Amino acid sequence: MPAQEYLPFSLELTETVHWTSNAGLSDLDVRTELEDIYSATDLRFSYFPQIGDNSYFEFSTGYAIYRYMDYSSLNFDRFETSVGLVHNFRDLNNLIGWTRFNYYRLLDSSGHDDLFTDYSLELGLYYPIPLSSRHKAFGSYSSKFSLDADPGSLRRHQHWISGGYTYTPSDRFKISAYGGLHVYDYVESGRTDLLYDLGLALTTHLTDRIDAVISANYSWNDSNTTGFDYEVADIGAKLGLTMKF
């Protein structure tokens, strides 16, 4: 069988519907959690050409639209762009490392005024752990250092440690479980949040280009600043189309 041609361009369109127990991420002590259903439509273009035996240039840009059923005041749009380098350390069990520059922007859904903008430098590692042909695990770490943000009071450095496991009973179906710890270090206020995250996802490859995913996630945030502790559960269904060329 001839080697499959590598295609560096990709275009992704996903549509997701979520139920959330706490749309406003309200403080546990306040007890004003806003249960709601929201949708997320995300269009993303990526260019990932190989620039060496094990190295790649990375460019990605995307626009997402978030809309809430009951609490429309929470509606927002998101634009983000990243440029970076990725390297596969094949002698280290295919350890993957990357560095990238990110631009992130949240916009009001009606007037498209800026709600938040951030420029950051990101470093990360991903370590795959093959257990068998059908069972795989992974560990990952990444840090995102904010270079500038507006408003400055929301500027924060972010650090993630996560791990997960995937079982693939067939070529068309897989089950994934994951957990992680996120550390958010707010530069101006001294606030530090620890966000713990657990999730489960069922993925079906409907065609070579279309995936369907059902997921469930539970997170709890522990902050050193009063008013920012919360818990949130989320259940979602996603349909995604990916085209490579």
C-alpha atoms as a PDB file:
ATOM      1  CA  MET A   1       0.000   0.000   0.000  1.00  0.00           C
ATOM      2  CA  PRO A   2       1.478   3.413  -0.931  1.00  0.00           C
ATOM      3  CA  ALA A   3       2.199   5.913   1.841  1.00  0.00           C
ATOM      4  CA  GLN A   4      -0.646   8.310   2.437  1.00  0.00           C
ATOM      5  CA  GLU A   5       0.092  11.857   1.306  1.00  0.00           C
ATOM      6  CA  TYR A   6       0.619  14.345   4.152  1.00  0.00           C
ATOM      7  CA  LEU A   7      -1.890  17.205   3.990  1.00  0.00           C
ATOM      8  CA  PRO A   8      -0.799  20.325   5.937  1.00  0.00           C
ATOM      9  CA  PHE A   9      -4.037  22.354   5.704  1.00  0.00           C
ATOM     10  CA  SER A  10      -7.184  21.645   7.689  1.00  0.00           C
ATOM     11  CA  LEU A  11     -10.576  23.301   8.033  1.00  0.00           C
ATOM     12  CA  GLU A  12     -12.764  22.335  10.975  1.00  0.00           C
ATOM     13  CA  LEU A  13     -16.383  23.179  11.707  1.00  0.00           C
ATOM     14  CA  THR A  14     -17.961  21.999  14.956  1.00  0.00           C
ATOM     15  CA  GLU A  15     -21.400  22.491  16.459  1.00  0.00           C
ATOM     16  CA  THR A  16     -21.890  21.681  20.141  1.00  0.00           C
ATOM     17  CA  VAL A  17     -24.873  21.832  22.479  1.00  0.00           C
ATOM     18  CA  HIS A  18     -24.236  21.792  26.236  1.00  0.00           C
ATOM     19  CA  TRP A  19     -26.219  21.637  29.423  1.00  0.00           C
ATOM     20  CA  THR A  20     -24.421  23.377  32.294  1.00  0.00           C
ATOM     21  CA  SER A  21     -25.291  23.484  35.976  1.00  0.00           C
ATOM     22  CA  ASN A  22     -23.613  26.841  36.588  1.00  0.00           C
ATOM     23  CA  ALA A  23     -23.464  29.073  33.512  1.00  0.00           C
ATOM     24  CA  GLY A  24     -22.258  32.106  35.457  1.00  0.00           C
ATOM     25  CA  LEU A  25     -19.577  30.161  37.410  1.00  0.00           C
ATOM     26  CA  SER A  26     -21.168  31.546  40.567  1.00  0.00           C
ATOM     27  CA  ASP A  27     -19.594  31.310  43.996  1.00  0.00           C
ATOM     28  CA  LEU A  28     -20.673  28.281  46.056  1.00  0.00           C
ATOM     29  CA  ASP A  29     -21.464  30.499  49.060  1.00  0.00           C
ATOM     30  CA  VAL A  30     -23.766  32.748  47.029  1.00  0.00           C
ATOM     31  CA  ARG A  31     -25.853  29.831  45.728  1.00  0.00           C
ATOM     32  CA  THR A  32     -26.910  31.623  42.545  1.00  0.00           C
ATOM     33  CA  GLU A  33     -25.849  28.978  40.039  1.00  0.00           C
ATOM     34  CA  LEU A  34     -27.503  29.529  36.666  1.00  0.00           C
ATOM     35  CA  GLU A  35     -28.537  26.245  35.058  1.00  0.00           C
ATOM     36  CA  ASP A  36     -28.786  26.684  31.301  1.00  0.00           C
ATOM     37  CA  ILE A  37     -28.320  25.197  27.844  1.00  0.00           C
ATOM     38  CA  TYR A  38     -25.915  26.829  25.413  1.00  0.00           C
ATOM     39  CA  SER A  39     -24.564  26.202  21.932  1.00  0.00           C
ATOM     40  CA  ALA A  40     -21.060  26.706  20.530  1.00  0.00           C
ATOM     41  CA  THR A  41     -20.330  27.024  16.817  1.00  0.00           C
ATOM     42  CA  ASP A  42     -16.610  26.963  16.014  1.00  0.00           C
ATOM     43  CA  LEU A  43     -14.873  27.434  12.645  1.00  0.00           C
ATOM     44  CA  ARG A  44     -11.097  26.909  12.567  1.00  0.00           C
ATOM     45  CA  PHE A  45      -8.394  26.971   9.898  1.00  0.00           C
ATOM     46  CA  SER A  46      -4.952  25.423  10.498  1.00  0.00           C
ATOM     47  CA  TYR A  47      -1.690  25.155   8.569  1.00  0.00           C
ATOM     48  CA  PHE A  48       0.779  22.561   9.868  1.00  0.00           C
ATOM     49  CA  PRO A  49       3.629  22.048   7.372  1.00  0.00           C
ATOM     50  CA  GLN A  50       6.618  19.830   8.108  1.00  0.00           C
ATOM     51  CA  ILE A  51       9.867  21.832   8.246  1.00  0.00           C
ATOM     52  CA  GLY A  52      12.268  19.040   9.215  1.00  0.00           C
ATOM     53  CA  ASP A  53      12.376  15.334   9.868  1.00  0.00           C
ATOM     54  CA  ASN A  54      10.492  15.715  13.144  1.00  0.00           C
ATOM     55  CA  SER A  55       9.558  19.425  13.297  1.00  0.00           C
ATOM     56  CA  TYR A  56       6.507  21.356  12.161  1.00  0.00           C
ATOM     57  CA  PHE A  57       5.433  24.968  11.800  1.00  0.00           C
ATOM     58  CA  GLU A  58       2.002  25.657  13.267  1.00  0.00           C
ATOM     59  CA  PHE A  59      -0.561  28.325  12.410  1.00  0.00           C
ATOM     60  CA  SER A  60      -4.155  28.213  13.605  1.00  0.00           C
ATOM     61  CA  THR A  61      -6.983  30.734  13.697  1.00  0.00           C
ATOM     62  CA  GLY A  62     -10.589  30.296  14.702  1.00  0.00           C
ATOM     63  CA  TYR A  63     -13.841  32.084  15.483  1.00  0.00           C
ATOM     64  CA  ALA A  64     -16.467  30.708  17.865  1.00  0.00           C
ATOM     65  CA  ILE A  65     -20.003  31.826  18.735  1.00  0.00           C
ATOM     66  CA  TYR A  66     -21.486  31.011  22.163  1.00  0.00           C
ATOM     67  CA  ARG A  67     -25.228  31.477  22.725  1.00  0.00           C
ATOM     68  CA  TYR A  68     -27.242  30.753  25.897  1.00  0.00           C
ATOM     69  CA  MET A  69     -30.890  29.728  25.852  1.00  0.00           C
ATOM     70  CA  ASP A  70     -32.149  31.502  28.998  1.00  0.00           C
ATOM     71  CA  TYR A  71     -29.358  33.864  30.091  1.00  0.00           C
ATOM     72  CA  SER A  72     -28.634  35.676  26.829  1.00  0.00           C
ATOM     73  CA  SER A  73     -26.644  38.325  28.729  1.00  0.00           C
ATOM     74  CA  LEU A  74     -23.872  35.728  28.887  1.00  0.00           C
ATOM     75  CA  ASN A  75     -23.605  35.446  25.081  1.00  0.00           C
ATOM     76  CA  PHE A  76     -20.159  36.110  23.617  1.00  0.00           C
ATOM     77  CA  ASP A  77     -17.942  35.478  20.588  1.00  0.00           C
ATOM     78  CA  ARG A  78     -14.323  34.308  20.679  1.00  0.00           C
ATOM     79  CA  PHE A  79     -11.491  34.923  18.224  1.00  0.00           C
ATOM     80  CA  GLU A  80      -8.059  33.347  18.619  1.00  0.00           C
ATOM     81  CA  THR A  81      -4.882  32.937  16.592  1.00  0.00           C
ATOM     82  CA  SER A  82      -1.688  31.055  17.378  1.00  0.00           C
ATOM     83  CA  VAL A  83       1.695  30.692  15.652  1.00  0.00           C
ATOM     84  CA  GLY A  84       4.373  28.279  16.799  1.00  0.00           C
ATOM     85  CA  LEU A  85       6.720  25.320  16.391  1.00  0.00           C
ATOM     86  CA  VAL A  86       6.113  21.666  17.264  1.00  0.00           C
ATOM     87  CA  HIS A  87       8.777  18.958  17.590  1.00  0.00           C
ATOM     88  CA  ASN A  88       8.386  15.187  17.908  1.00  0.00           C
ATOM     89  CA  PHE A  89      11.173  13.631  20.004  1.00  0.00           C
ATOM     90  CA  ARG A  90      10.986  10.166  18.472  1.00  0.00           C
ATOM     91  CA  ASP A  91      13.868   8.848  20.573  1.00  0.00           C
ATOM     92  CA  LEU A  92      11.871   9.740  23.709  1.00  0.00           C
ATOM     93  CA  ASN A  93       8.833   7.575  22.952  1.00  0.00           C
ATOM     94  CA  ASN A  94       7.411  10.243  20.609  1.00  0.00           C
ATOM     95  CA  LEU A  95       7.331  12.958  23.251  1.00  0.00           C
ATOM     96  CA  ILE A  96       5.864  16.087  21.639  1.00  0.00           C
ATOM     97  CA  GLY A  97       6.970  19.576  22.639  1.00  0.00           C
ATOM     98  CA  TRP A  98       5.732  22.932  21.408  1.00  0.00           C
ATOM     99  CA  THR A  99       6.077  26.650  21.806  1.00  0.00           C
ATOM    100  CA  ARG A 100       3.589  29.134  20.408  1.00  0.00           C
ATOM    101  CA  PHE A 101       2.460  32.736  20.545  1.00  0.00           C
ATOM    102  CA  ASN A 102      -1.281  33.218  21.163  1.00  0.00           C
ATOM    103  CA  TYR A 103      -3.700  36.061  20.596  1.00  0.00           C
ATOM    104  CA  TYR A 104      -7.063  35.673  22.344  1.00  0.00           C
ATOM    105  CA  ARG A 105     -10.066  37.981  22.134  1.00  0.00           C
ATOM    106  CA  LEU A 106     -13.572  37.837  23.630  1.00  0.00           C
ATOM    107  CA  LEU A 107     -16.262  40.017  22.079  1.00  0.00           C
ATOM    108  CA  ASP A 108     -19.736  41.150  23.055  1.00  0.00           C
ATOM    109  CA  SER A 109     -22.278  39.218  20.986  1.00  0.00           C
ATOM    110  CA  SER A 110     -24.365  42.247  19.984  1.00  0.00           C
ATOM    111  CA  GLY A 111     -22.030  45.180  19.301  1.00  0.00           C
ATOM    112  CA  HIS A 112     -18.865  43.046  19.036  1.00  0.00           C
ATOM    113  CA  ASP A 113     -17.061  45.349  21.445  1.00  0.00           C
ATOM    114  CA  ASP A 114     -13.991  43.916  23.134  1.00  0.00           C
ATOM    115  CA  LEU A 115     -14.658  42.208  26.470  1.00  0.00           C
ATOM    116  CA  PHE A 116     -11.152  40.833  26.957  1.00  0.00           C
ATOM    117  CA  THR A 117      -7.933  40.543  24.931  1.00  0.00           C
ATOM    118  CA  ASP A 118      -4.766  38.651  25.797  1.00  0.00           C
ATOM    119  CA  TYR A 119      -1.326  38.054  24.237  1.00  0.00           C
ATOM    120  CA  SER A 120       0.590  35.079  25.606  1.00  0.00           C
ATOM    121  CA  LEU A 121       3.565  32.771  25.126  1.00  0.00           C
ATOM    122  CA  GLU A 122       2.863  29.063  25.584  1.00  0.00           C
ATOM    123  CA  LEU A 123       5.178  26.115  26.241  1.00  0.00           C
ATOM    124  CA  GLY A 124       4.015  22.517  26.453  1.00  0.00           C
ATOM    125  CA  LEU A 125       4.791  18.794  26.452  1.00  0.00           C
ATOM    126  CA  TYR A 126       2.637  15.788  25.543  1.00  0.00           C
ATOM    127  CA  TYR A 127       3.753  12.247  26.382  1.00  0.00           C
ATOM    128  CA  PRO A 128       1.844   9.344  24.776  1.00  0.00           C
ATOM    129  CA  ILE A 129       1.815   6.016  26.607  1.00  0.00           C
ATOM    130  CA  PRO A 130       0.829   3.147  24.288  1.00  0.00           C
ATOM    131  CA  LEU A 131      -0.443   0.211  26.349  1.00  0.00           C
ATOM    132  CA  SER A 132      -1.663  -2.004  23.497  1.00  0.00           C
ATOM    133  CA  SER A 133      -3.228  -1.635  20.070  1.00  0.00           C
ATOM    134  CA  ARG A 134      -6.578  -0.677  21.663  1.00  0.00           C
ATOM    135  CA  HIS A 135      -5.478   0.966  24.927  1.00  0.00           C
ATOM    136  CA  LYS A 136      -3.525   4.214  25.244  1.00  0.00           C
ATOM    137  CA  ALA A 137      -2.757   6.726  27.957  1.00  0.00           C
ATOM    138  CA  PHE A 138      -1.101  10.144  28.046  1.00  0.00           C
ATOM    139  CA  GLY A 139       0.343  12.793  30.296  1.00  0.00           C
ATOM    140  CA  SER A 140       0.705  16.469  29.433  1.00  0.00           C
ATOM    141  CA  TYR A 141       1.933  19.757  30.819  1.00  0.00           C
ATOM    142  CA  SER A 142       1.672  23.301  29.493  1.00  0.00           C
ATOM    143  CA  SER A 143       2.190  26.856  30.698  1.00  0.00           C
ATOM    144  CA  LYS A 144       0.811  30.010  29.152  1.00  0.00           C
ATOM    145  CA  PHE A 145       2.470  33.263  30.215  1.00  0.00           C
ATOM    146  CA  SER A 146       0.401  36.377  29.591  1.00  0.00           C
ATOM    147  CA  LEU A 147       2.445  39.177  28.012  1.00  0.00           C
ATOM    148  CA  ASP A 148      -0.331  41.774  27.997  1.00  0.00           C
ATOM    149  CA  ALA A 149      -4.075  41.832  28.617  1.00  0.00           C
ATOM    150  CA  ASP A 150      -6.985  44.276  28.616  1.00  0.00           C
ATOM    151  CA  PRO A 151      -8.425  44.769  31.158  1.00  0.00           C
ATOM    152  CA  GLY A 152      -5.213  44.277  33.098  1.00  0.00           C
ATOM    153  CA  SER A 153      -7.092  43.099  36.189  1.00  0.00           C
ATOM    154  CA  LEU A 154      -7.908  39.850  34.331  1.00  0.00           C
ATOM    155  CA  ARG A 155      -4.353  39.214  33.158  1.00  0.00           C
ATOM    156  CA  ARG A 156      -3.204  35.799  34.365  1.00  0.00           C
ATOM    157  CA  HIS A 157      -0.580  33.112  33.818  1.00  0.00           C
ATOM    158  CA  GLN A 158      -1.999  29.619  33.316  1.00  0.00           C
ATOM    159  CA  HIS A 159      -0.479  26.201  34.018  1.00  0.00           C
ATOM    160  CA  TRP A 160      -1.997  22.785  33.258  1.00  0.00           C
ATOM    161  CA  ILE A 161      -1.117  19.246  34.276  1.00  0.00           C
ATOM    162  CA  SER A 162      -3.352  16.505  32.917  1.00  0.00           C
ATOM    163  CA  GLY A 163      -3.548  12.822  32.158  1.00  0.00           C
ATOM    164  CA  GLY A 164      -5.953  10.502  30.426  1.00  0.00           C
ATOM    165  CA  TYR A 165      -6.788   7.117  29.003  1.00  0.00           C
ATOM    166  CA  THR A 166      -8.421   6.013  25.734  1.00  0.00           C
ATOM    167  CA  TYR A 167      -9.931   2.665  24.828  1.00  0.00           C
ATOM    168  CA  THR A 168     -10.649   2.049  21.131  1.00  0.00           C
ATOM    169  CA  PRO A 169     -12.834  -1.052  20.797  1.00  0.00           C
ATOM    170  CA  SER A 170     -13.154  -0.537  17.029  1.00  0.00           C
ATOM    171  CA  ASP A 171     -11.836   1.728  14.291  1.00  0.00           C
ATOM    172  CA  ARG A 172     -15.035   3.796  14.472  1.00  0.00           C
ATOM    173  CA  PHE A 173     -15.468   4.195  18.223  1.00  0.00           C
ATOM    174  CA  LYS A 174     -13.406   5.272  21.236  1.00  0.00           C
ATOM    175  CA  ILE A 175     -13.930   6.025  24.920  1.00  0.00           C
ATOM    176  CA  SER A 176     -11.744   8.585  26.713  1.00  0.00           C
ATOM    177  CA  ALA A 177     -11.375   9.587  30.356  1.00  0.00           C
ATOM    178  CA  TYR A 178      -9.207  12.426  31.640  1.00  0.00           C
ATOM    179  CA  GLY A 179      -8.404  14.556  34.643  1.00  0.00           C
ATOM    180  CA  GLY A 180      -6.340  17.648  35.260  1.00  0.00           C
ATOM    181  CA  LEU A 181      -5.250  20.471  37.504  1.00  0.00           C
ATOM    182  CA  HIS A 182      -5.251  24.062  36.203  1.00  0.00           C
ATOM    183  CA  VAL A 183      -3.470  26.845  38.072  1.00  0.00           C
ATOM    184  CA  TYR A 184      -4.514  30.432  37.290  1.00  0.00           C
ATOM    185  CA  ASP A 185      -2.168  33.097  38.631  1.00  0.00           C
ATOM    186  CA  TYR A 186      -3.645  36.605  38.330  1.00  0.00           C
ATOM    187  CA  VAL A 187      -0.782  39.055  37.898  1.00  0.00           C
ATOM    188  CA  GLU A 188      -2.213  42.270  39.391  1.00  0.00           C
ATOM    189  CA  SER A 189      -4.438  41.085  42.225  1.00  0.00           C
ATOM    190  CA  GLY A 190      -2.428  38.205  43.704  1.00  0.00           C
ATOM    191  CA  ARG A 191      -5.417  35.924  43.222  1.00  0.00           C
ATOM    192  CA  THR A 192      -4.616  32.250  42.567  1.00  0.00           C
ATOM    193  CA  ASP A 193      -7.208  29.690  41.491  1.00  0.00           C
ATOM    194  CA  LEU A 194      -6.834  25.899  41.447  1.00  0.00           C
ATOM    195  CA  LEU A 195      -9.294  24.332  39.020  1.00  0.00           C
ATOM    196  CA  TYR A 196      -9.750  20.554  39.170  1.00  0.00           C
ATOM    197  CA  ASP A 197     -11.257  18.869  36.134  1.00  0.00           C
ATOM    198  CA  LEU A 198     -12.653  15.367  35.404  1.00  0.00           C
ATOM    199  CA  GLY A 199     -14.234  14.243  32.156  1.00  0.00           C
ATOM    200  CA  LEU A 200     -15.479  11.385  30.014  1.00  0.00           C
ATOM    201  CA  ALA A 201     -16.041  11.392  26.234  1.00  0.00           C
ATOM    202  CA  LEU A 202     -17.512   8.904  23.745  1.00  0.00           C
ATOM    203  CA  THR A 203     -16.456   9.489  20.131  1.00  0.00           C
ATOM    204  CA  THR A 204     -17.907   7.902  16.997  1.00  0.00           C
ATOM    205  CA  HIS A 205     -16.239   8.346  13.605  1.00  0.00           C
ATOM    206  CA  LEU A 206     -19.319   8.574  11.393  1.00  0.00           C
ATOM    207  CA  THR A 207     -17.180   9.025   8.276  1.00  0.00           C
ATOM    208  CA  ASP A 208     -13.533   9.798   7.573  1.00  0.00           C
ATOM    209  CA  ARG A 209     -14.393  13.486   7.978  1.00  0.00           C
ATOM    210  CA  ILE A 210     -17.274  13.602  10.462  1.00  0.00           C
ATOM    211  CA  ASP A 211     -17.117  12.795  14.193  1.00  0.00           C
ATOM    212  CA  ALA A 212     -19.851  12.760  16.817  1.00  0.00           C
ATOM    213  CA  VAL A 213     -18.931  13.181  20.495  1.00  0.00           C
ATOM    214  CA  ILE A 214     -20.925  12.895  23.710  1.00  0.00           C
ATOM    215  CA  SER A 215     -19.100  14.234  26.770  1.00  0.00           C
ATOM    216  CA  ALA A 216     -19.557  14.852  30.477  1.00  0.00           C
ATOM    217  CA  ASN A 217     -17.357  17.079  32.613  1.00  0.00           C
ATOM    218  CA  TYR A 218     -17.188  18.107  36.260  1.00  0.00           C
ATOM    219  CA  SER A 219     -14.973  20.923  37.564  1.00  0.00           C
ATOM    220  CA  TRP A 220     -14.476  22.677  40.880  1.00  0.00           C
ATOM    221  CA  ASN A 221     -12.525  25.861  41.477  1.00  0.00           C
ATOM    222  CA  ASP A 222     -10.675  26.649  44.711  1.00  0.00           C
ATOM    223  CA  SER A 223      -9.542  30.281  44.958  1.00  0.00           C
ATOM    224  CA  ASN A 224      -7.535  32.162  47.572  1.00  0.00           C
ATOM    225  CA  THR A 225      -9.847  35.140  47.014  1.00  0.00           C
ATOM    226  CA  THR A 226     -13.346  35.267  48.499  1.00  0.00           C
ATOM    227  CA  GLY A 227     -16.159  34.971  45.976  1.00  0.00           C
ATOM    228  CA  PHE A 228     -14.473  32.817  43.330  1.00  0.00           C
ATOM    229  CA  ASP A 229     -15.060  29.250  44.561  1.00  0.00           C
ATOM    230  CA  TYR A 230     -17.497  27.340  42.356  1.00  0.00           C
ATOM    231  CA  GLU A 231     -18.518  23.952  40.999  1.00  0.00           C
ATOM    232  CA  VAL A 232     -19.896  23.204  37.543  1.00  0.00           C
ATOM    233  CA  ALA A 233     -21.137  20.120  35.712  1.00  0.00           C
ATOM    234  CA  ASP A 234     -21.427  20.065  31.927  1.00  0.00           C
ATOM    235  CA  ILE A 235     -22.927  17.539  29.494  1.00  0.00           C
ATOM    236  CA  GLY A 236     -22.511  18.104  25.753  1.00  0.00           C
ATOM    237  CA  ALA A 237     -23.010  16.623  22.304  1.00  0.00           C
ATOM    238  CA  LYS A 238     -20.771  17.689  19.411  1.00  0.00           C
ATOM    239  CA  LEU A 239     -20.784  17.131  15.657  1.00  0.00           C
ATOM    240  CA  GLY A 240     -17.536  17.981  13.883  1.00  0.00           C
ATOM    241  CA  LEU A 241     -16.472  18.143  10.248  1.00  0.00           C
ATOM    242  CA  THR A 242     -12.743  18.137   9.362  1.00  0.00           C
ATOM    243  CA  MET A 243     -11.410  18.652   5.857  1.00  0.00           C
ATOM    244  CA  LYS A 244      -7.699  18.247   5.067  1.00  0.00           C
ATOM    245  CA  PHE A 245      -5.983  19.440   1.909  1.00  0.00           C
END
